[in-house]
Protein backbone atom coordinates (compact mmCIF):
# COMPACT_ATOMS: atom_id res chain seq x y z
CA UNK A 1 133.01 51.14 -176.35
CA UNK A 2 130.18 51.98 -178.63
CA UNK A 3 127.27 49.59 -178.76
CA UNK A 4 128.48 47.50 -175.84
CA UNK A 5 125.73 45.79 -173.88
CA UNK A 6 126.42 45.82 -170.16
CA UNK A 7 124.96 43.14 -167.94
CA UNK A 8 125.30 43.09 -164.18
CA UNK A 9 127.75 40.19 -164.45
CA UNK A 10 129.85 42.01 -167.07
CA UNK A 11 129.91 45.17 -164.95
CA UNK A 12 131.04 43.21 -161.89
CA UNK A 13 133.75 41.32 -163.75
CA UNK A 14 135.04 44.55 -165.32
CA UNK A 15 135.16 46.32 -161.95
CA UNK A 16 137.04 43.36 -160.43
CA UNK A 17 139.51 43.29 -163.35
CA UNK A 18 140.15 47.04 -163.14
CA UNK A 19 140.75 46.69 -159.40
CA UNK A 20 143.23 43.85 -159.96
CA UNK A 21 144.96 46.00 -162.59
CA UNK A 22 145.35 48.79 -160.03
CA UNK A 23 142.96 51.24 -161.70
CA UNK A 24 141.66 54.04 -159.48
CA UNK A 25 138.01 53.12 -158.96
CA UNK A 26 137.04 56.30 -157.16
CA UNK A 27 133.88 57.79 -158.69
CA UNK A 28 135.59 60.86 -160.09
CA UNK A 29 138.39 58.90 -161.71
CA UNK A 30 136.29 56.07 -163.13
CA UNK A 31 133.80 58.54 -164.58
CA UNK A 32 136.64 60.23 -166.47
CA UNK A 33 138.43 57.07 -167.60
CA UNK A 34 135.58 54.57 -168.06
CA UNK A 35 132.47 56.68 -168.56
CA UNK A 36 130.31 53.96 -170.15
CA UNK A 37 131.06 51.57 -167.29
CA UNK A 38 130.26 54.25 -164.72
CA UNK A 39 127.02 55.30 -166.40
CA UNK A 40 125.80 51.75 -166.94
CA UNK A 41 126.57 50.72 -163.37
CA UNK A 42 124.61 53.70 -162.07
CA UNK A 43 121.55 53.04 -164.22
CA UNK A 44 118.34 51.95 -162.52
CA UNK A 45 118.34 48.74 -164.53
CA UNK A 46 121.69 47.73 -163.04
CA UNK A 47 122.87 48.92 -159.61
CA UNK A 48 121.46 52.42 -159.21
CA UNK A 49 124.73 53.97 -158.05
CA UNK A 50 128.47 53.41 -158.18
CA UNK A 51 128.74 52.36 -154.52
CA UNK A 52 126.34 49.46 -155.00
CA UNK A 53 128.15 48.34 -158.14
CA UNK A 54 131.52 48.35 -156.36
CA UNK A 55 130.09 46.50 -153.37
CA UNK A 56 128.43 43.94 -155.68
CA UNK A 57 131.94 43.29 -157.01
CA UNK A 58 133.00 42.41 -153.47
CA UNK A 59 135.07 45.55 -152.90
CA UNK A 60 134.97 48.00 -150.00
CA UNK A 61 133.73 51.24 -151.49
CA UNK A 62 135.11 53.38 -148.67
CA UNK A 63 138.64 52.16 -149.39
CA UNK A 64 138.38 53.28 -153.03
CA UNK A 65 137.94 56.96 -152.37
CA UNK A 66 141.04 59.04 -152.90
CA UNK A 67 139.88 61.93 -150.75
CA UNK A 68 138.88 61.47 -147.16
CA UNK A 69 135.32 62.73 -146.85
CA UNK A 70 135.23 63.34 -143.11
CA UNK A 71 138.10 64.47 -140.97
CA UNK A 72 138.44 63.66 -137.32
CA UNK A 73 140.01 66.16 -134.95
CA UNK A 74 143.01 63.85 -134.61
CA UNK A 75 143.57 63.54 -138.36
CA UNK A 76 143.36 67.33 -138.79
CA UNK A 77 145.95 67.89 -136.08
CA UNK A 78 148.18 65.18 -137.54
CA UNK A 79 148.09 66.85 -140.97
CA UNK A 80 148.91 70.25 -139.45
CA UNK A 81 151.89 68.83 -137.58
């Protein structure tokens, strides 16, 4: 939205609403679908990065990622099988 003024409270409430609505809040997805929200949340005047914004909204950032960042030996073997 052009000209929208984001406050920390507005960012948090929007992140919570998107989560309730089932929107993918992973960084890659939210950057593509809600770029202004993503950019504003990451600004120094707000949260500094997407993780801190998500956590300020009371959500577990690690559960939002679509792609597992680190693989254990067991999870690799399980995927192969």
